[in-house]
PDB file of N, CA and C in Angstrom:
ATOM      1  N   UNK A   1      35.557 -38.481 -30.569  1.00  0.00           N
ATOM      2  CA  UNK A   1      36.201 -38.213 -31.833  1.00  0.00           C
ATOM      3  C   UNK A   1      35.358 -38.839 -32.933  1.00  0.00           C
ATOM      4  N   UNK A   2      35.156 -38.085 -34.000  1.00  0.00           N
ATOM      5  CA  UNK A   2      34.333 -38.607 -35.089  1.00  0.00           C
ATOM      6  C   UNK A   2      35.112 -39.615 -35.940  1.00  0.00           C
ATOM      7  N   UNK A   3      34.379 -40.315 -36.798  1.00  0.00           N
ATOM      8  CA  UNK A   3      35.008 -41.300 -37.676  1.00  0.00           C
ATOM      9  C   UNK A   3      35.549 -40.604 -38.913  1.00  0.00           C
ATOM     10  N   UNK A   4      36.714 -41.075 -39.379  1.00  0.00           N
ATOM     11  CA  UNK A   4      37.371 -40.507 -40.549  1.00  0.00           C
ATOM     12  C   UNK A   4      37.614 -41.593 -41.577  1.00  0.00           C
ATOM     13  N   UNK A   5      37.437 -41.251 -42.844  1.00  0.00           N
ATOM     14  CA  UNK A   5      37.812 -42.153 -43.922  1.00  0.00           C
ATOM     15  C   UNK A   5      39.326 -42.160 -44.053  1.00  0.00           C
ATOM     16  N   UNK A   6      39.847 -43.194 -44.693  1.00  0.00           N
ATOM     17  CA  UNK A   6      41.303 -43.325 -44.795  1.00  0.00           C
ATOM     18  C   UNK A   6      41.959 -42.148 -45.512  1.00  0.00           C
ATOM     19  N   UNK A   7      41.238 -41.477 -46.387  1.00  0.00           N
ATOM     20  CA  UNK A   7      41.817 -40.340 -47.105  1.00  0.00           C
ATOM     21  C   UNK A   7      42.012 -39.129 -46.199  1.00  0.00           C
ATOM     22  N   UNK A   8      41.436 -39.159 -45.002  1.00  0.00           N
ATOM     23  CA  UNK A   8      41.551 -38.042 -44.071  1.00  0.00           C
ATOM     24  C   UNK A   8      42.388 -38.380 -42.833  1.00  0.00           C
ATOM     25  N   UNK A   9      43.111 -39.491 -42.873  1.00  0.00           N
ATOM     26  CA  UNK A   9      43.942 -39.910 -41.737  1.00  0.00           C
ATOM     27  C   UNK A   9      45.407 -39.865 -42.151  1.00  0.00           C
ATOM     28  N   UNK A  10      46.229 -39.279 -41.312  1.00  0.00           N
ATOM     29  CA  UNK A  10      47.673 -39.236 -41.551  1.00  0.00           C
ATOM     30  C   UNK A  10      48.390 -39.699 -40.293  1.00  0.00           C
ATOM     31  N   UNK A  11      49.389 -40.548 -40.463  1.00  0.00           N
ATOM     32  CA  UNK A  11      50.235 -40.995 -39.359  1.00  0.00           C
ATOM     33  C   UNK A  11      51.586 -40.306 -39.507  1.00  0.00           C
ATOM     34  N   UNK A  12      52.003 -39.602 -38.462  1.00  0.00           N
ATOM     35  CA  UNK A  12      53.239 -38.820 -38.507  1.00  0.00           C
ATOM     36  C   UNK A  12      54.142 -39.263 -37.362  1.00  0.00           C
ATOM     37  N   UNK A  13      55.294 -39.841 -37.703  1.00  0.00           N
ATOM     38  CA  UNK A  13      56.260 -40.271 -36.688  1.00  0.00           C
ATOM     39  C   UNK A  13      57.210 -39.109 -36.399  1.00  0.00           C
ATOM     40  N   UNK A  14      57.331 -38.757 -35.143  1.00  0.00           N
ATOM     41  CA  UNK A  14      58.268 -37.716 -34.714  1.00  0.00           C
ATOM     42  C   UNK A  14      59.531 -38.418 -34.238  1.00  0.00           C
ATOM     43  N   UNK A  15      60.600 -38.272 -35.016  1.00  0.00           N
ATOM     44  CA  UNK A  15      61.854 -38.964 -34.746  1.00  0.00           C
ATOM     45  C   UNK A  15      62.952 -37.931 -34.560  1.00  0.00           C
ATOM     46  N   UNK A  16      63.741 -38.081 -33.512  1.00  0.00           N
ATOM     47  CA  UNK A  16      64.859 -37.178 -33.256  1.00  0.00           C
ATOM     48  C   UNK A  16      65.591 -37.613 -32.009  1.00  0.00           C
ATOM     49  N   UNK A  17      66.695 -36.949 -31.743  1.00  0.00           N
ATOM     50  CA  UNK A  17      67.488 -37.247 -30.558  1.00  0.00           C
ATOM     51  C   UNK A  17      66.693 -36.953 -29.293  1.00  0.00           C
ATOM     52  N   UNK A  18      67.083 -37.588 -28.198  1.00  0.00           N
ATOM     53  CA  UNK A  18      66.464 -37.313 -26.908  1.00  0.00           C
ATOM     54  C   UNK A  18      66.660 -35.854 -26.541  1.00  0.00           C
ATOM     55  N   UNK A  19      65.604 -35.212 -26.104  1.00  0.00           N
ATOM     56  CA  UNK A  19      65.681 -33.811 -25.713  1.00  0.00           C
ATOM     57  C   UNK A  19      65.515 -32.836 -26.863  1.00  0.00           C
ATOM     58  N   UNK A  20      65.161 -33.333 -28.055  1.00  0.00           N
ATOM     59  CA  UNK A  20      65.026 -32.436 -29.210  1.00  0.00           C
ATOM     60  C   UNK A  20      63.665 -31.738 -29.282  1.00  0.00           C
ATOM     61  N   UNK A  21      62.724 -32.106 -28.414  1.00  0.00           N
ATOM     62  CA  UNK A  21      61.446 -31.394 -28.344  1.00  0.00           C
ATOM     63  C   UNK A  21      60.264 -32.091 -28.979  1.00  0.00           C
ATOM     64  N   UNK A  22      60.356 -33.381 -29.222  1.00  0.00           N
ATOM     65  CA  UNK A  22      59.255 -34.115 -29.849  1.00  0.00           C
ATOM     66  C   UNK A  22      58.002 -34.094 -28.974  1.00  0.00           C
ATOM     67  N   UNK A  23      58.158 -34.381 -27.711  1.00  0.00           N
ATOM     68  CA  UNK A  23      57.019 -34.408 -26.787  1.00  0.00           C
ATOM     69  C   UNK A  23      56.423 -33.012 -26.631  1.00  0.00           C
ATOM     70  N   UNK A  24      57.255 -32.010 -26.548  1.00  0.00           N
ATOM     71  CA  UNK A  24      56.767 -30.624 -26.431  1.00  0.00           C
ATOM     72  C   UNK A  24      56.039 -30.194 -27.691  1.00  0.00           C
ATOM     73  N   UNK A  25      56.494 -30.659 -28.850  1.00  0.00           N
ATOM     74  CA  UNK A  25      55.823 -30.348 -30.109  1.00  0.00           C
ATOM     75  C   UNK A  25      54.414 -30.933 -30.131  1.00  0.00           C
ATOM     76  N   UNK A  26      54.272 -32.169 -29.668  1.00  0.00           N
ATOM     77  CA  UNK A  26      52.945 -32.791 -29.588  1.00  0.00           C
ATOM     78  C   UNK A  26      52.047 -31.991 -28.642  1.00  0.00           C
ATOM     79  N   UNK A  27      52.588 -31.552 -27.525  1.00  0.00           N
ATOM     80  CA  UNK A  27      51.816 -30.726 -26.589  1.00  0.00           C
ATOM     81  C   UNK A  27      51.327 -29.451 -27.271  1.00  0.00           C
ATOM     82  N   UNK A  28      52.195 -28.829 -28.055  1.00  0.00           N
ATOM     83  CA  UNK A  28      51.829 -27.598 -28.757  1.00  0.00           C
ATOM     84  C   UNK A  28      50.715 -27.849 -29.769  1.00  0.00           C
ATOM     85  N   UNK A  29      50.783 -28.986 -30.497  1.00  0.00           N
ATOM     86  CA  UNK A  29      49.719 -29.335 -31.443  1.00  0.00           C
ATOM     87  C   UNK A  29      48.390 -29.498 -30.713  1.00  0.00           C
ATOM     88  N   UNK A  30      48.410 -30.215 -29.596  1.00  0.00           N
ATOM     89  CA  UNK A  30      47.186 -30.430 -28.828  1.00  0.00           C
ATOM     90  C   UNK A  30      46.624 -29.115 -28.296  1.00  0.00           C
ATOM     91  N   UNK A  31      47.493 -28.251 -27.822  1.00  0.00           N
ATOM     92  CA  UNK A  31      47.065 -26.962 -27.276  1.00  0.00           C
ATOM     93  C   UNK A  31      46.502 -26.061 -28.377  1.00  0.00           C
ATOM     94  N   UNK A  32      47.207 -25.969 -29.495  1.00  0.00           N
ATOM     95  CA  UNK A  32      46.768 -25.095 -30.585  1.00  0.00           C
ATOM     96  C   UNK A  32      45.452 -25.530 -31.204  1.00  0.00           C
ATOM     97  N   UNK A  33      45.154 -26.821 -31.182  1.00  0.00           N
ATOM     98  CA  UNK A  33      43.886 -27.305 -31.741  1.00  0.00           C
ATOM     99  C   UNK A  33      42.758 -27.309 -30.709  1.00  0.00           C
ATOM    100  N   UNK A  34      43.064 -26.950 -29.468  1.00  0.00           N
ATOM    101  CA  UNK A  34      42.042 -26.882 -28.428  1.00  0.00           C
ATOM    102  C   UNK A  34      41.765 -28.203 -27.748  1.00  0.00           C
ATOM    103  N   UNK A  35      42.561 -29.226 -28.007  1.00  0.00           N
ATOM    104  CA  UNK A  35      42.348 -30.532 -27.368  1.00  0.00           C
ATOM    105  C   UNK A  35      42.684 -30.487 -25.886  1.00  0.00           C
ATOM    106  N   UNK A  36      43.631 -29.629 -25.504  1.00  0.00           N
ATOM    107  CA  UNK A  36      43.964 -29.418 -24.097  1.00  0.00           C
ATOM    108  C   UNK A  36      43.950 -27.915 -23.834  1.00  0.00           C
ATOM    109  N   UNK A  37      43.676 -27.540 -22.611  1.00  0.00           N
ATOM    110  CA  UNK A  37      43.575 -26.113 -22.286  1.00  0.00           C
ATOM    111  C   UNK A  37      44.863 -25.544 -21.697  1.00  0.00           C
ATOM    112  N   UNK A  38      45.809 -26.416 -21.371  1.00  0.00           N
ATOM    113  CA  UNK A  38      47.078 -25.966 -20.782  1.00  0.00           C
ATOM    114  C   UNK A  38      48.179 -26.901 -21.256  1.00  0.00           C
ATOM    115  N   UNK A  39      49.279 -26.318 -21.730  1.00  0.00           N
ATOM    116  CA  UNK A  39      50.399 -27.144 -22.185  1.00  0.00           C
ATOM    117  C   UNK A  39      51.145 -27.725 -20.997  1.00  0.00           C
ATOM    118  N   UNK A  40      51.388 -29.034 -21.064  1.00  0.00           N
ATOM    119  CA  UNK A  40      52.172 -29.682 -20.032  1.00  0.00           C
ATOM    120  C   UNK A  40      53.658 -29.494 -20.283  1.00  0.00           C
ATOM    121  N   UNK A  41      54.453 -29.835 -19.290  1.00  0.00           N
ATOM    122  CA  UNK A  41      55.902 -29.716 -19.402  1.00  0.00           C
ATOM    123  C   UNK A  41      56.549 -31.044 -19.034  1.00  0.00           C
ATOM    124  N   UNK A  42      57.566 -31.430 -19.806  1.00  0.00           N
ATOM    125  CA  UNK A  42      58.263 -32.689 -19.564  1.00  0.00           C
ATOM    126  C   UNK A  42      58.867 -32.695 -18.170  1.00  0.00           C
ATOM    127  N   UNK A  43      59.508 -31.598 -17.786  1.00  0.00           N
ATOM    128  CA  UNK A  43      60.167 -31.499 -16.488  1.00  0.00           C
ATOM    129  C   UNK A  43      59.222 -31.617 -15.305  1.00  0.00           C
ATOM    130  N   UNK A  44      57.959 -31.294 -15.528  1.00  0.00           N
ATOM    131  CA  UNK A  44      56.959 -31.388 -14.462  1.00  0.00           C
ATOM    132  C   UNK A  44      56.174 -32.697 -14.519  1.00  0.00           C
ATOM    133  N   UNK A  45      56.379 -33.474 -15.594  1.00  0.00           N
ATOM    134  CA  UNK A  45      55.652 -34.743 -15.743  1.00  0.00           C
ATOM    135  C   UNK A  45      54.182 -34.565 -16.067  1.00  0.00           C
ATOM    136  N   UNK A  46      53.844 -33.471 -16.761  1.00  0.00           N
ATOM    137  CA  UNK A  46      52.438 -33.174 -17.037  1.00  0.00           C
ATOM    138  C   UNK A  46      52.073 -33.245 -18.517  1.00  0.00           C
ATOM    139  N   UNK A  47      52.918 -33.860 -19.337  1.00  0.00           N
ATOM    140  CA  UNK A  47      52.599 -33.960 -20.762  1.00  0.00           C
ATOM    141  C   UNK A  47      51.631 -35.107 -21.030  1.00  0.00           C
ATOM    142  N   UNK A  48      50.889 -34.991 -22.100  1.00  0.00           N
ATOM    143  CA  UNK A  48      49.902 -36.009 -22.463  1.00  0.00           C
ATOM    144  C   UNK A  48      50.582 -37.313 -22.873  1.00  0.00           C
ATOM    145  N   UNK A  49      51.643 -37.225 -23.666  1.00  0.00           N
ATOM    146  CA  UNK A  49      52.247 -38.449 -24.201  1.00  0.00           C
ATOM    147  C   UNK A  49      53.154 -39.181 -23.219  1.00  0.00           C
ATOM    148  N   UNK A  50      53.680 -38.506 -22.219  1.00  0.00           N
ATOM    149  CA  UNK A  50      54.486 -39.182 -21.192  1.00  0.00           C
ATOM    150  C   UNK A  50      53.598 -39.446 -19.976  1.00  0.00           C
ATOM    151  N   UNK A  51      52.799 -40.493 -20.077  1.00  0.00           N
ATOM    152  CA  UNK A  51      51.807 -40.774 -19.033  1.00  0.00           C
ATOM    153  C   UNK A  51      52.257 -41.848 -18.056  1.00  0.00           C
ATOM    154  N   UNK A  52      53.281 -42.606 -18.400  1.00  0.00           N
ATOM    155  CA  UNK A  52      53.770 -43.687 -17.559  1.00  0.00           C
ATOM    156  C   UNK A  52      54.583 -43.130 -16.388  1.00  0.00           C
ATOM    157  N   UNK A  53      54.516 -43.789 -15.233  1.00  0.00           N
ATOM    158  CA  UNK A  53      55.262 -43.335 -14.058  1.00  0.00           C
ATOM    159  C   UNK A  53      56.766 -43.295 -14.312  1.00  0.00           C
ATOM    160  N   UNK A  54      57.278 -44.286 -15.050  1.00  0.00           N
ATOM    161  CA  UNK A  54      58.712 -44.339 -15.356  1.00  0.00           C
ATOM    162  C   UNK A  54      59.124 -43.159 -16.244  1.00  0.00           C
ATOM    163  N   UNK A  55      58.265 -42.787 -17.182  1.00  0.00           N
ATOM    164  CA  UNK A  55      58.552 -41.639 -18.050  1.00  0.00           C
ATOM    165  C   UNK A  55      58.553 -40.343 -17.247  1.00  0.00           C
ATOM    166  N   UNK A  56      57.651 -40.227 -16.328  1.00  0.00           N
ATOM    167  CA  UNK A  56      57.618 -39.022 -15.479  1.00  0.00           C
ATOM    168  C   UNK A  56      58.846 -38.958 -14.583  1.00  0.00           C
ATOM    169  N   UNK A  57      59.255 -40.106 -14.049  1.00  0.00           N
ATOM    170  CA  UNK A  57      60.414 -40.134 -13.156  1.00  0.00           C
ATOM    171  C   UNK A  57      61.696 -39.783 -13.905  1.00  0.00           C
ATOM    172  N   UNK A  58      61.881 -40.376 -15.089  1.00  0.00           N
ATOM    173  CA  UNK A  58      63.102 -40.144 -15.873  1.00  0.00           C
ATOM    174  C   UNK A  58      63.069 -38.840 -16.664  1.00  0.00           C
ATOM    175  N   UNK A  59      61.876 -38.310 -16.881  1.00  0.00           N
ATOM    176  CA  UNK A  59      61.656 -37.109 -17.693  1.00  0.00           C
ATOM    177  C   UNK A  59      62.081 -37.330 -19.146  1.00  0.00           C
ATOM    178  N   UNK A  60      61.843 -38.533 -19.660  1.00  0.00           N
ATOM    179  CA  UNK A  60      62.072 -38.875 -21.061  1.00  0.00           C
ATOM    180  C   UNK A  60      60.973 -39.842 -21.498  1.00  0.00           C
ATOM    181  N   UNK A  61      60.783 -39.943 -22.808  1.00  0.00           N
ATOM    182  CA  UNK A  61      59.841 -40.938 -23.339  1.00  0.00           C
ATOM    183  C   UNK A  61      60.515 -42.301 -23.343  1.00  0.00           C
ATOM    184  N   UNK A  62      59.818 -43.303 -22.823  1.00  0.00           N
ATOM    185  CA  UNK A  62      60.334 -44.663 -22.749  1.00  0.00           C
ATOM    186  C   UNK A  62      59.670 -45.544 -23.803  1.00  0.00           C
ATOM    187  N   UNK A  63      58.423 -45.251 -24.120  1.00  0.00           N
ATOM    188  CA  UNK A  63      57.697 -46.031 -25.122  1.00  0.00           C
ATOM    189  C   UNK A  63      57.026 -45.081 -26.108  1.00  0.00           C
ATOM    190  N   UNK A  64      56.676 -45.623 -27.256  1.00  0.00           N
ATOM    191  CA  UNK A  64      56.011 -44.823 -28.284  1.00  0.00           C
ATOM    192  C   UNK A  64      54.584 -44.520 -27.852  1.00  0.00           C
ATOM    193  N   UNK A  65      54.206 -43.267 -27.953  1.00  0.00           N
ATOM    194  CA  UNK A  65      52.842 -42.847 -27.637  1.00  0.00           C
ATOM    195  C   UNK A  65      52.170 -42.378 -28.922  1.00  0.00           C
ATOM    196  N   UNK A  66      50.929 -42.798 -29.126  1.00  0.00           N
ATOM    197  CA  UNK A  66      50.158 -42.356 -30.279  1.00  0.00           C
ATOM    198  C   UNK A  66      49.160 -41.306 -29.787  1.00  0.00           C
ATOM    199  N   UNK A  67      49.300 -40.101 -30.310  1.00  0.00           N
ATOM    200  CA  UNK A  67      48.455 -38.982 -29.888  1.00  0.00           C
ATOM    201  C   UNK A  67      47.619 -38.520 -31.085  1.00  0.00           C
ATOM    202  N   UNK A  68      46.302 -38.751 -31.056  1.00  0.00           N
ATOM    203  CA  UNK A  68      45.449 -38.297 -32.164  1.00  0.00           C
ATOM    204  C   UNK A  68      45.113 -36.813 -32.014  1.00  0.00           C
ATOM    205  N   UNK A  69      45.213 -36.094 -33.129  1.00  0.00           N
ATOM    206  CA  UNK A  69      44.901 -34.668 -33.158  1.00  0.00           C
ATOM    207  C   UNK A  69      43.973 -34.427 -34.339  1.00  0.00           C
ATOM    208  N   UNK A  70      42.865 -33.723 -34.099  1.00  0.00           N
ATOM    209  CA  UNK A  70      41.952 -33.357 -35.179  1.00  0.00           C
ATOM    210  C   UNK A  70      42.307 -31.962 -35.668  1.00  0.00           C
ATOM    211  N   UNK A  71      42.501 -31.832 -37.004  1.00  0.00           N
ATOM    212  CA  UNK A  71      42.879 -30.542 -37.570  1.00  0.00           C
ATOM    213  C   UNK A  71      42.355 -30.436 -38.992  1.00  0.00           C
ATOM    214  N   UNK A  72      41.570 -29.414 -39.268  1.00  0.00           N
ATOM    215  CA  UNK A  72      41.011 -29.138 -40.594  1.00  0.00           C
ATOM    216  C   UNK A  72      40.405 -30.382 -41.235  1.00  0.00           C
ATOM    217  N   UNK A  73      39.466 -31.003 -40.537  1.00  0.00           N
ATOM    218  CA  UNK A  73      38.756 -32.190 -41.013  1.00  0.00           C
ATOM    219  C   UNK A  73      39.658 -33.380 -41.315  1.00  0.00           C
ATOM    220  N   UNK A  74      40.831 -33.424 -40.683  1.00  0.00           N
ATOM    221  CA  UNK A  74      41.740 -34.550 -40.803  1.00  0.00           C
ATOM    222  C   UNK A  74      42.076 -35.057 -39.401  1.00  0.00           C
ATOM    223  N   UNK A  75      42.388 -36.329 -39.327  1.00  0.00           N
ATOM    224  CA  UNK A  75      42.867 -36.908 -38.078  1.00  0.00           C
ATOM    225  C   UNK A  75      44.354 -37.188 -38.251  1.00  0.00           C
ATOM    226  N   UNK A  76      45.166 -36.536 -37.446  1.00  0.00           N
ATOM    227  CA  UNK A  76      46.616 -36.715 -37.476  1.00  0.00           C
ATOM    228  C   UNK A  76      47.017 -37.550 -36.274  1.00  0.00           C
ATOM    229  N   UNK A  77      47.596 -38.714 -36.515  1.00  0.00           N
ATOM    230  CA  UNK A  77      48.100 -39.568 -35.442  1.00  0.00           C
ATOM    231  C   UNK A  77      49.594 -39.310 -35.301  1.00  0.00           C
ATOM    232  N   UNK A  78      49.973 -38.586 -34.257  1.00  0.00           N
ATOM    233  CA  UNK A  78      51.391 -38.316 -34.024  1.00  0.00           C
ATOM    234  C   UNK A  78      51.968 -39.430 -33.166  1.00  0.00           C
ATOM    235  N   UNK A  79      53.064 -40.013 -33.639  1.00  0.00           N
ATOM    236  CA  UNK A  79      53.764 -41.047 -32.885  1.00  0.00           C
ATOM    237  C   UNK A  79      54.960 -40.390 -32.224  1.00  0.00           C
ATOM    238  N   UNK A  80      54.885 -40.217 -30.918  1.00  0.00           N
ATOM    239  CA  UNK A  80      55.981 -39.634 -30.144  1.00  0.00           C
ATOM    240  C   UNK A  80      56.927 -40.780 -29.788  1.00  0.00           C
ATOM    241  N   UNK A  81      58.022 -40.880 -30.557  1.00  0.00           N
ATOM    242  CA  UNK A  81      58.950 -42.003 -30.435  1.00  0.00           C
ATOM    243  C   UNK A  81      60.124 -41.613 -29.544  1.00  0.00           C
ATOM    244  N   UNK A  82      60.554 -42.492 -28.619  1.00  0.00           N
ATOM    245  CA  UNK A  82      61.694 -42.182 -27.755  1.00  0.00           C
ATOM    246  C   UNK A  82      62.950 -41.863 -28.574  1.00  0.00           C
ATOM    247  N   UNK A  83      63.773 -40.954 -28.057  1.00  0.00           N
ATOM    248  CA  UNK A  83      64.955 -40.526 -28.786  1.00  0.00           C
ATOM    249  C   UNK A  83      66.265 -41.061 -28.262  1.00  0.00           C
ATOM    250  N   UNK A  84      66.236 -41.877 -27.243  1.00  0.00           N
ATOM    251  CA  UNK A  84      67.474 -42.396 -26.671  1.00  0.00           C
ATOM    252  C   UNK A  84      67.765 -43.787 -27.231  1.00  0.00           C
ATOM    253  N   UNK A  85      69.039 -44.088 -27.460  1.00  0.00           N
ATOM    254  CA  UNK A  85      69.430 -45.352 -28.096  1.00  0.00           C
ATOM    255  C   UNK A  85      69.033 -46.573 -27.279  1.00  0.00           C
ATOM    256  N   UNK A  86      68.814 -46.400 -25.995  1.00  0.00           N
ATOM    257  CA  UNK A  86      68.376 -47.518 -25.159  1.00  0.00           C
ATOM    258  C   UNK A  86      67.031 -48.078 -25.636  1.00  0.00           C
ATOM    259  N   UNK A  87      66.275 -47.278 -26.350  1.00  0.00           N
ATOM    260  CA  UNK A  87      64.935 -47.671 -26.768  1.00  0.00           C
ATOM    261  C   UNK A  87      64.835 -47.803 -28.283  1.00  0.00           C
ATOM    262  N   UNK A  88      65.897 -48.310 -28.913  1.00  0.00           N
ATOM    263  CA  UNK A  88      65.935 -48.458 -30.373  1.00  0.00           C
ATOM    264  C   UNK A  88      64.816 -49.363 -30.881  1.00  0.00           C
ATOM    265  N   UNK A  89      64.429 -50.340 -30.093  1.00  0.00           N
ATOM    266  CA  UNK A  89      63.328 -51.220 -30.481  1.00  0.00           C
ATOM    267  C   UNK A  89      62.028 -50.456 -30.654  1.00  0.00           C
ATOM    268  N   UNK A  90      61.789 -49.471 -29.808  1.00  0.00           N
ATOM    269  CA  UNK A  90      60.592 -48.633 -29.917  1.00  0.00           C
ATOM    270  C   UNK A  90      60.621 -47.812 -31.205  1.00  0.00           C
ATOM    271  N   UNK A  91      61.795 -47.353 -31.590  1.00  0.00           N
ATOM    272  CA  UNK A  91      61.929 -46.578 -32.826  1.00  0.00           C
ATOM    273  C   UNK A  91      61.576 -47.451 -34.018  1.00  0.00           C
ATOM    274  N   UNK A  92      62.133 -48.655 -34.067  1.00  0.00           N
ATOM    275  CA  UNK A  92      61.843 -49.575 -35.174  1.00  0.00           C
ATOM    276  C   UNK A  92      60.356 -49.916 -35.230  1.00  0.00           C
ATOM    277  N   UNK A  93      59.777 -50.186 -34.089  1.00  0.00           N
ATOM    278  CA  UNK A  93      58.355 -50.534 -34.047  1.00  0.00           C
ATOM    279  C   UNK A  93      57.500 -49.348 -34.465  1.00  0.00           C
ATOM    280  N   UNK A  94      57.846 -48.153 -34.034  1.00  0.00           N
ATOM    281  CA  UNK A  94      57.075 -46.972 -34.376  1.00  0.00           C
ATOM    282  C   UNK A  94      57.126 -46.638 -35.851  1.00  0.00           C
ATOM    283  N   UNK A  95      58.264 -46.856 -36.474  1.00  0.00           N
ATOM    284  CA  UNK A  95      58.388 -46.556 -37.904  1.00  0.00           C
ATOM    285  C   UNK A  95      57.726 -47.608 -38.772  1.00  0.00           C
ATOM    286  N   UNK A  96      57.562 -48.810 -38.249  1.00  0.00           N
ATOM    287  CA  UNK A  96      56.844 -49.854 -38.985  1.00  0.00           C
ATOM    288  C   UNK A  96      55.362 -49.640 -38.941  1.00  0.00           C
ATOM    289  N   UNK A  97      54.839 -48.957 -37.953  1.00  0.00           N
ATOM    290  CA  UNK A  97      53.415 -48.780 -37.684  1.00  0.00           C
ATOM    291  C   UNK A  97      52.743 -48.163 -38.808  1.00  0.00           C
TER     292      UNK A  97
END
């Protein structure tokens, strides 16, 4: 990945209820920009942002994942934040980032 000046970097937190499609949206961004050649599925445990064994087993995001995407000479850092109330600390930490 090339270096970007601060004017070309954006941090985007994806916040929503569990099961609302945040992880799938990140997969779609990665696929549409050519970063991955095949979209993963949460139910199959093949998504980029759910890489932990516990996340694959539960089929939910347990921790915040930062996924960099290059698009139109900008670097977009998507924060895939867990949507379940059990992980409220991750939400607070992700929004402070």
